[in-house]
Amino acid sequence: MEQQAADISQMSFEDALRALEDVVRRLEGGEVPLDESIDLYERGEKLRKHCQARLDTAQARIEKIVAGSDGKPVGTAPFDGG
C-alpha cells in the first residue's frame, strides 16, 4: 500500500483524475468482488485527496499574482514567499 501511495504522490493532476475516474467506473459497474471494492475505494480516496491538494496549490499560486497600479498583472510572487 505504501508503494501505491508513493505512486499517487508522483502523479500529475490529470493522471490522478483519470485514475480516479477509472476507480469510480469500476465501482459503479458492481462486478468487483467486495475485498477489491474496498481496496479500490481506499485508492479512490487517496486519488481524490491528491487531486484536491493539487487544486489547492494551483489556486494559491493564482492568488499570488501581483497586480500593478493599473490593475493588470505584472508578475507573480513566490507561493512560499511573503
PDB file of N, CA and C in Angstrom:
ATOM      1  N   MET A   1       0.815  -1.191   0.000  1.00  0.00           N
ATOM      2  CA  MET A   1       0.000   0.000   0.000  1.00  0.00           C
ATOM      3  C   MET A   1       0.861   1.258   0.000  1.00  0.00           C
ATOM      4  N   GLU A   2       2.028   1.241   0.704  1.00  0.00           N
ATOM      5  CA  GLU A   2       2.890   2.419   0.746  1.00  0.00           C
ATOM      6  C   GLU A   2       3.415   2.747  -0.646  1.00  0.00           C
ATOM      7  N   GLN A   3       3.773   1.727  -1.415  1.00  0.00           N
ATOM      8  CA  GLN A   3       4.250   1.962  -2.787  1.00  0.00           C
ATOM      9  C   GLN A   3       3.158   2.612  -3.617  1.00  0.00           C
ATOM     10  N   GLN A   4       1.928   2.178  -3.424  1.00  0.00           N
ATOM     11  CA  GLN A   4       0.792   2.732  -4.160  1.00  0.00           C
ATOM     12  C   GLN A   4       0.616   4.204  -3.812  1.00  0.00           C
ATOM     13  N   ALA A   5       0.738   4.566  -2.533  1.00  0.00           N
ATOM     14  CA  ALA A   5       0.616   5.960  -2.108  1.00  0.00           C
ATOM     15  C   ALA A   5       1.748   6.787  -2.690  1.00  0.00           C
ATOM     16  N   ALA A   6       2.950   6.222  -2.745  1.00  0.00           N
ATOM     17  CA  ALA A   6       4.086   6.934  -3.334  1.00  0.00           C
ATOM     18  C   ALA A   6       3.841   7.170  -4.820  1.00  0.00           C
ATOM     19  N   ASP A   7       3.290   6.173  -5.499  1.00  0.00           N
ATOM     20  CA  ASP A   7       2.983   6.328  -6.917  1.00  0.00           C
ATOM     21  C   ASP A   7       1.970   7.455  -7.122  1.00  0.00           C
ATOM     22  N   ILE A   8       0.955   7.522  -6.278  1.00  0.00           N
ATOM     23  CA  ILE A   8      -0.059   8.560  -6.394  1.00  0.00           C
ATOM     24  C   ILE A   8       0.558   9.932  -6.177  1.00  0.00           C
ATOM     25  N   SER A   9       1.450  10.059  -5.208  1.00  0.00           N
ATOM     26  CA  SER A   9       2.048  11.366  -4.911  1.00  0.00           C
ATOM     27  C   SER A   9       2.879  11.895  -6.073  1.00  0.00           C
ATOM     28  N   GLN A  10       3.303  11.024  -6.964  1.00  0.00           N
ATOM     29  CA  GLN A  10       4.099  11.437  -8.114  1.00  0.00           C
ATOM     30  C   GLN A  10       3.256  11.716  -9.359  1.00  0.00           C
ATOM     31  N   MET A  11       1.956  11.449  -9.279  1.00  0.00           N
ATOM     32  CA  MET A  11       1.076  11.623 -10.439  1.00  0.00           C
ATOM     33  C   MET A  11       0.782  13.092 -10.699  1.00  0.00           C
ATOM     34  N   SER A  12       0.624  13.411 -11.973  1.00  0.00           N
ATOM     35  CA  SER A  12       0.121  14.731 -12.322  1.00  0.00           C
ATOM     36  C   SER A  12      -1.360  14.779 -11.957  1.00  0.00           C
ATOM     37  N   PHE A  13      -1.918  15.967 -11.908  1.00  0.00           N
ATOM     38  CA  PHE A  13      -3.332  16.113 -11.614  1.00  0.00           C
ATOM     39  C   PHE A  13      -4.156  15.337 -12.634  1.00  0.00           C
ATOM     40  N   GLU A  14      -3.816  15.479 -13.905  1.00  0.00           N
ATOM     41  CA  GLU A  14      -4.587  14.837 -14.971  1.00  0.00           C
ATOM     42  C   GLU A  14      -4.540  13.312 -14.871  1.00  0.00           C
ATOM     43  N   ASP A  15      -3.362  12.769 -14.576  1.00  0.00           N
ATOM     44  CA  ASP A  15      -3.240  11.314 -14.441  1.00  0.00           C
ATOM     45  C   ASP A  15      -4.027  10.804 -13.234  1.00  0.00           C
ATOM     46  N   ALA A  16      -3.949  11.536 -12.127  1.00  0.00           N
ATOM     47  CA  ALA A  16      -4.678  11.140 -10.927  1.00  0.00           C
ATOM     48  C   ALA A  16      -6.185  11.209 -11.169  1.00  0.00           C
ATOM     49  N   LEU A  17      -6.631  12.229 -11.883  1.00  0.00           N
ATOM     50  CA  LEU A  17      -8.058  12.358 -12.168  1.00  0.00           C
ATOM     51  C   LEU A  17      -8.539  11.214 -13.052  1.00  0.00           C
ATOM     52  N   ARG A  18      -7.749  10.850 -14.072  1.00  0.00           N
ATOM     53  CA  ARG A  18      -8.121   9.714 -14.925  1.00  0.00           C
ATOM     54  C   ARG A  18      -8.186   8.425 -14.118  1.00  0.00           C
ATOM     55  N   ALA A  19      -7.207   8.234 -13.221  1.00  0.00           N
ATOM     56  CA  ALA A  19      -7.195   7.028 -12.381  1.00  0.00           C
ATOM     57  C   ALA A  19      -8.410   7.014 -11.461  1.00  0.00           C
ATOM     58  N   LEU A  20      -8.773   8.169 -10.916  1.00  0.00           N
ATOM     59  CA  LEU A  20      -9.944   8.265 -10.054  1.00  0.00           C
ATOM     60  C   LEU A  20     -11.216   7.948 -10.838  1.00  0.00           C
ATOM     61  N   GLU A  21     -11.317   8.458 -12.051  1.00  0.00           N
ATOM     62  CA  GLU A  21     -12.479   8.160 -12.886  1.00  0.00           C
ATOM     63  C   GLU A  21     -12.572   6.672 -13.178  1.00  0.00           C
ATOM     64  N   ASP A  22     -11.429   6.019 -13.387  1.00  0.00           N
ATOM     65  CA  ASP A  22     -11.411   4.576 -13.622  1.00  0.00           C
ATOM     66  C   ASP A  22     -11.897   3.817 -12.379  1.00  0.00           C
ATOM     67  N   VAL A  23     -11.452   4.250 -11.208  1.00  0.00           N
ATOM     68  CA  VAL A  23     -11.895   3.622  -9.957  1.00  0.00           C
ATOM     69  C   VAL A  23     -13.411   3.750  -9.831  1.00  0.00           C
ATOM     70  N   VAL A  24     -13.936   4.934 -10.084  1.00  0.00           N
ATOM     71  CA  VAL A  24     -15.375   5.163  -9.971  1.00  0.00           C
ATOM     72  C   VAL A  24     -16.142   4.271 -10.946  1.00  0.00           C
ATOM     73  N   ARG A  25     -15.671   4.195 -12.195  1.00  0.00           N
ATOM     74  CA  ARG A  25     -16.332   3.335 -13.195  1.00  0.00           C
ATOM     75  C   ARG A  25     -16.373   1.890 -12.737  1.00  0.00           C
ATOM     76  N   ARG A  26     -15.247   1.415 -12.213  1.00  0.00           N
ATOM     77  CA  ARG A  26     -15.190   0.017 -11.772  1.00  0.00           C
ATOM     78  C   ARG A  26     -16.125  -0.234 -10.597  1.00  0.00           C
ATOM     79  N   LEU A  27     -16.149   0.706  -9.655  1.00  0.00           N
ATOM     80  CA  LEU A  27     -17.035   0.534  -8.501  1.00  0.00           C
ATOM     81  C   LEU A  27     -18.499   0.620  -8.903  1.00  0.00           C
ATOM     82  N   GLU A  28     -18.821   1.542  -9.804  1.00  0.00           N
ATOM     83  CA  GLU A  28     -20.206   1.682 -10.247  1.00  0.00           C
ATOM     84  C   GLU A  28     -20.662   0.485 -11.070  1.00  0.00           C
ATOM     85  N   GLY A  29     -19.710  -0.192 -11.715  1.00  0.00           N
ATOM     86  CA  GLY A  29     -20.052  -1.361 -12.518  1.00  0.00           C
ATOM     87  C   GLY A  29     -20.614  -2.491 -11.674  1.00  0.00           C
ATOM     88  N   GLY A  30     -20.229  -2.534 -10.397  1.00  0.00           N
ATOM     89  CA  GLY A  30     -20.782  -3.515  -9.477  1.00  0.00           C
ATOM     90  C   GLY A  30     -20.320  -4.941  -9.687  1.00  0.00           C
ATOM     91  N   GLU A  31     -19.313  -5.159 -10.497  1.00  0.00           N
ATOM     92  CA  GLU A  31     -18.864  -6.523 -10.755  1.00  0.00           C
ATOM     93  C   GLU A  31     -17.525  -6.832 -10.104  1.00  0.00           C
ATOM     94  N   VAL A  32     -17.114  -5.991  -9.167  1.00  0.00           N
ATOM     95  CA  VAL A  32     -15.844  -6.177  -8.480  1.00  0.00           C
ATOM     96  C   VAL A  32     -16.119  -6.867  -7.145  1.00  0.00           C
ATOM     97  N   PRO A  33     -15.345  -7.892  -6.799  1.00  0.00           N
ATOM     98  CA  PRO A  33     -15.535  -8.565  -5.510  1.00  0.00           C
ATOM     99  C   PRO A  33     -15.388  -7.575  -4.347  1.00  0.00           C
ATOM    100  N   LEU A  34     -15.995  -7.886  -3.235  1.00  0.00           N
ATOM    101  CA  LEU A  34     -16.042  -6.999  -2.082  1.00  0.00           C
ATOM    102  C   LEU A  34     -14.655  -6.530  -1.642  1.00  0.00           C
ATOM    103  N   ASP A  35     -13.722  -7.447  -1.457  1.00  0.00           N
ATOM    104  CA  ASP A  35     -12.388  -7.066  -0.991  1.00  0.00           C
ATOM    105  C   ASP A  35     -11.713  -6.115  -1.967  1.00  0.00           C
ATOM    106  N   GLU A  36     -11.854  -6.383  -3.244  1.00  0.00           N
ATOM    107  CA  GLU A  36     -11.267  -5.500  -4.251  1.00  0.00           C
ATOM    108  C   GLU A  36     -11.987  -4.147  -4.263  1.00  0.00           C
ATOM    109  N   SER A  37     -13.282  -4.161  -4.023  1.00  0.00           N
ATOM    110  CA  SER A  37     -14.047  -2.911  -3.948  1.00  0.00           C
ATOM    111  C   SER A  37     -13.528  -2.021  -2.823  1.00  0.00           C
ATOM    112  N   ILE A  38     -13.235  -2.636  -1.683  1.00  0.00           N
ATOM    113  CA  ILE A  38     -12.707  -1.874  -0.551  1.00  0.00           C
ATOM    114  C   ILE A  38     -11.345  -1.286  -0.907  1.00  0.00           C
ATOM    115  N   ASP A  39     -10.488  -2.081  -1.537  1.00  0.00           N
ATOM    116  CA  ASP A  39      -9.174  -1.581  -1.969  1.00  0.00           C
ATOM    117  C   ASP A  39      -9.328  -0.440  -2.976  1.00  0.00           C
ATOM    118  N   LEU A  40     -10.254  -0.615  -3.910  1.00  0.00           N
ATOM    119  CA  LEU A  40     -10.491   0.435  -4.895  1.00  0.00           C
ATOM    120  C   LEU A  40     -10.998   1.712  -4.237  1.00  0.00           C
ATOM    121  N   TYR A  41     -11.886   1.564  -3.273  1.00  0.00           N
ATOM    122  CA  TYR A  41     -12.418   2.732  -2.572  1.00  0.00           C
ATOM    123  C   TYR A  41     -11.293   3.475  -1.853  1.00  0.00           C
ATOM    124  N   GLU A  42     -10.405   2.729  -1.191  1.00  0.00           N
ATOM    125  CA  GLU A  42      -9.272   3.348  -0.497  1.00  0.00           C
ATOM    126  C   GLU A  42      -8.363   4.069  -1.487  1.00  0.00           C
ATOM    127  N   ARG A  43      -8.093   3.451  -2.633  1.00  0.00           N
ATOM    128  CA  ARG A  43      -7.264   4.097  -3.652  1.00  0.00           C
ATOM    129  C   ARG A  43      -7.967   5.346  -4.177  1.00  0.00           C
ATOM    130  N   GLY A  44      -9.261   5.248  -4.388  1.00  0.00           N
ATOM    131  CA  GLY A  44     -10.018   6.396  -4.863  1.00  0.00           C
ATOM    132  C   GLY A  44      -9.944   7.562  -3.902  1.00  0.00           C
ATOM    133  N   GLU A  45     -10.007   7.284  -2.621  1.00  0.00           N
ATOM    134  CA  GLU A  45      -9.917   8.351  -1.612  1.00  0.00           C
ATOM    135  C   GLU A  45      -8.537   9.004  -1.639  1.00  0.00           C
ATOM    136  N   LYS A  46      -7.495   8.215  -1.801  1.00  0.00           N
ATOM    137  CA  LYS A  46      -6.139   8.771  -1.895  1.00  0.00           C
ATOM    138  C   LYS A  46      -5.988   9.613  -3.157  1.00  0.00           C
ATOM    139  N   LEU A  47      -6.554   9.137  -4.252  1.00  0.00           N
ATOM    140  CA  LEU A  47      -6.504   9.902  -5.503  1.00  0.00           C
ATOM    141  C   LEU A  47      -7.276  11.213  -5.370  1.00  0.00           C
ATOM    142  N   ARG A  48      -8.423  11.165  -4.713  1.00  0.00           N
ATOM    143  CA  ARG A  48      -9.226  12.379  -4.514  1.00  0.00           C
ATOM    144  C   ARG A  48      -8.460  13.403  -3.694  1.00  0.00           C
ATOM    145  N   LYS A  49      -7.824  12.951  -2.619  1.00  0.00           N
ATOM    146  CA  LYS A  49      -7.044  13.856  -1.774  1.00  0.00           C
ATOM    147  C   LYS A  49      -5.885  14.464  -2.554  1.00  0.00           C
ATOM    148  N   HIS A  50      -5.237  13.656  -3.384  1.00  0.00           N
ATOM    149  CA  HIS A  50      -4.122  14.143  -4.192  1.00  0.00           C
ATOM    150  C   HIS A  50      -4.614  15.213  -5.171  1.00  0.00           C
ATOM    151  N   CYS A  51      -5.723  14.956  -5.830  1.00  0.00           N
ATOM    152  CA  CYS A  51      -6.284  15.926  -6.774  1.00  0.00           C
ATOM    153  C   CYS A  51      -6.655  17.219  -6.050  1.00  0.00           C
ATOM    154  N   GLN A  52      -7.269  17.104  -4.890  1.00  0.00           N
ATOM    155  CA  GLN A  52      -7.661  18.302  -4.134  1.00  0.00           C
ATOM    156  C   GLN A  52      -6.435  19.107  -3.717  1.00  0.00           C
ATOM    157  N   ALA A  53      -5.391  18.432  -3.290  1.00  0.00           N
ATOM    158  CA  ALA A  53      -4.168  19.133  -2.892  1.00  0.00           C
ATOM    159  C   ALA A  53      -3.555  19.870  -4.077  1.00  0.00           C
ATOM    160  N   ARG A  54      -3.554  19.223  -5.249  1.00  0.00           N
ATOM    161  CA  ARG A  54      -3.011  19.880  -6.452  1.00  0.00           C
ATOM    162  C   ARG A  54      -3.841  21.097  -6.826  1.00  0.00           C
ATOM    163  N   LEU A  55      -5.162  20.993  -6.710  1.00  0.00           N
ATOM    164  CA  LEU A  55      -6.041  22.130  -6.995  1.00  0.00           C
ATOM    165  C   LEU A  55      -5.815  23.258  -5.990  1.00  0.00           C
ATOM    166  N   ASP A  56      -5.671  22.917  -4.721  1.00  0.00           N
ATOM    167  CA  ASP A  56      -5.436  23.926  -3.692  1.00  0.00           C
ATOM    168  C   ASP A  56      -4.120  24.667  -3.946  1.00  0.00           C
ATOM    169  N   THR A  57      -3.092  23.930  -4.350  1.00  0.00           N
ATOM    170  CA  THR A  57      -1.806  24.546  -4.654  1.00  0.00           C
ATOM    171  C   THR A  57      -1.918  25.482  -5.844  1.00  0.00           C
ATOM    172  N   ALA A  58      -2.617  25.034  -6.874  1.00  0.00           N
ATOM    173  CA  ALA A  58      -2.796  25.873  -8.061  1.00  0.00           C
ATOM    174  C   ALA A  58      -3.562  27.143  -7.707  1.00  0.00           C
ATOM    175  N   GLN A  59      -4.597  27.025  -6.898  1.00  0.00           N
ATOM    176  CA  GLN A  59      -5.381  28.195  -6.507  1.00  0.00           C
ATOM    177  C   GLN A  59      -4.516  29.179  -5.718  1.00  0.00           C
ATOM    178  N   ALA A  60      -3.705  28.665  -4.814  1.00  0.00           N
ATOM    179  CA  ALA A  60      -2.838  29.536  -4.021  1.00  0.00           C
ATOM    180  C   ALA A  60      -1.848  30.272  -4.913  1.00  0.00           C
ATOM    181  N   ARG A  61      -1.319  29.590  -5.911  1.00  0.00           N
ATOM    182  CA  ARG A  61      -0.383  30.238  -6.843  1.00  0.00           C
ATOM    183  C   ARG A  61      -1.075  31.330  -7.634  1.00  0.00           C
ATOM    184  N   ILE A  62      -2.285  31.057  -8.073  1.00  0.00           N
ATOM    185  CA  ILE A  62      -3.042  32.055  -8.835  1.00  0.00           C
ATOM    186  C   ILE A  62      -3.317  33.281  -7.971  1.00  0.00           C
ATOM    187  N   GLU A  63      -3.655  33.069  -6.714  1.00  0.00           N
ATOM    188  CA  GLU A  63      -3.946  34.174  -5.814  1.00  0.00           C
ATOM    189  C   GLU A  63      -2.723  35.030  -5.539  1.00  0.00           C
ATOM    190  N   LYS A  64      -1.531  34.515  -5.813  1.00  0.00           N
ATOM    191  CA  LYS A  64      -0.305  35.257  -5.586  1.00  0.00           C
ATOM    192  C   LYS A  64       0.062  36.173  -6.759  1.00  0.00           C
ATOM    193  N   ILE A  65      -0.759  36.217  -7.781  1.00  0.00           N
ATOM    194  CA  ILE A  65      -0.462  37.111  -8.900  1.00  0.00           C
ATOM    195  C   ILE A  65      -0.471  38.537  -8.375  1.00  0.00           C
ATOM    196  N   VAL A  66       0.579  39.244  -8.712  1.00  0.00           N
ATOM    197  CA  VAL A  66       0.731  40.607  -8.240  1.00  0.00           C
ATOM    198  C   VAL A  66       0.204  41.550  -9.311  1.00  0.00           C
ATOM    199  N   ALA A  67      -0.709  42.448  -8.926  1.00  0.00           N
ATOM    200  CA  ALA A  67      -1.282  43.399  -9.876  1.00  0.00           C
ATOM    201  C   ALA A  67      -0.570  44.747  -9.746  1.00  0.00           C
ATOM    202  N   GLY A  68      -0.362  45.416 -10.886  1.00  0.00           N
ATOM    203  CA  GLY A  68       0.229  46.748 -10.900  1.00  0.00           C
ATOM    204  C   GLY A  68      -0.815  47.793 -10.540  1.00  0.00           C
ATOM    205  N   SER A  69      -0.418  49.046 -10.535  1.00  0.00           N
ATOM    206  CA  SER A  69      -1.329  50.124 -10.159  1.00  0.00           C
ATOM    207  C   SER A  69      -2.489  50.267 -11.142  1.00  0.00           C
ATOM    208  N   ASP A  70      -2.289  49.782 -12.372  1.00  0.00           N
ATOM    209  CA  ASP A  70      -3.364  49.838 -13.356  1.00  0.00           C
ATOM    210  C   ASP A  70      -4.286  48.626 -13.282  1.00  0.00           C
ATOM    211  N   GLY A  71      -4.028  47.710 -12.342  1.00  0.00           N
ATOM    212  CA  GLY A  71      -4.868  46.530 -12.159  1.00  0.00           C
ATOM    213  C   GLY A  71      -4.478  45.358 -13.028  1.00  0.00           C
ATOM    214  N   LYS A  72      -3.490  45.549 -13.892  1.00  0.00           N
ATOM    215  CA  LYS A  72      -3.044  44.455 -14.760  1.00  0.00           C
ATOM    216  C   LYS A  72      -1.958  43.653 -14.055  1.00  0.00           C
ATOM    217  N   PRO A  73      -1.938  42.339 -14.280  1.00  0.00           N
ATOM    218  CA  PRO A  73      -0.899  41.514 -13.663  1.00  0.00           C
ATOM    219  C   PRO A  73       0.482  41.935 -14.166  1.00  0.00           C
ATOM    220  N   VAL A  74       1.433  42.041 -13.241  1.00  0.00           N
ATOM    221  CA  VAL A  74       2.791  42.400 -13.616  1.00  0.00           C
ATOM    222  C   VAL A  74       3.770  41.278 -13.329  1.00  0.00           C
ATOM    223  N   GLY A  75       3.317  40.229 -12.714  1.00  0.00           N
ATOM    224  CA  GLY A  75       4.197  39.111 -12.385  1.00  0.00           C
ATOM    225  C   GLY A  75       3.558  38.261 -11.326  1.00  0.00           C
ATOM    226  N   THR A  76       4.368  37.419 -10.746  1.00  0.00           N
ATOM    227  CA  THR A  76       3.878  36.576  -9.657  1.00  0.00           C
ATOM    228  C   THR A  76       4.845  36.684  -8.486  1.00  0.00           C
ATOM    229  N   ALA A  77       4.342  36.433  -7.321  1.00  0.00           N
ATOM    230  CA  ALA A  77       5.158  36.366  -6.127  1.00  0.00           C
ATOM    231  C   ALA A  77       5.339  34.898  -5.782  1.00  0.00           C
ATOM    232  N   PRO A  78       6.465  34.516  -5.235  1.00  0.00           N
ATOM    233  CA  PRO A  78       6.645  33.109  -4.849  1.00  0.00           C
ATOM    234  C   PRO A  78       5.552  32.694  -3.886  1.00  0.00           C
ATOM    235  N   PHE A  79       5.056  31.487  -4.073  1.00  0.00           N
ATOM    236  CA  PHE A  79       3.987  30.969  -3.231  1.00  0.00           C
ATOM    237  C   PHE A  79       4.417  30.937  -1.779  1.00  0.00           C
ATOM    238  N   ASP A  80       5.652  30.518  -1.522  1.00  0.00           N
ATOM    239  CA  ASP A  80       6.089  30.396  -0.147  1.00  0.00           C
ATOM    240  C   ASP A  80       6.777  31.668   0.352  1.00  0.00           C
ATOM    241  N   GLY A  81       6.757  32.702  -0.487  1.00  0.00           N
ATOM    242  CA  GLY A  81       7.320  33.988  -0.081  1.00  0.00           C
ATOM    243  C   GLY A  81       6.394  34.669   0.889  1.00  0.00           C
ATOM    244  N   GLY A  82       6.448  35.928   0.992  1.00  0.00           N
ATOM    245  CA  GLY A  82       5.584  36.581   1.965  1.00  0.00           C
ATOM    246  C   GLY A  82       4.698  37.591   1.402  1.00  0.00           C
TER     247      GLY A  82
END
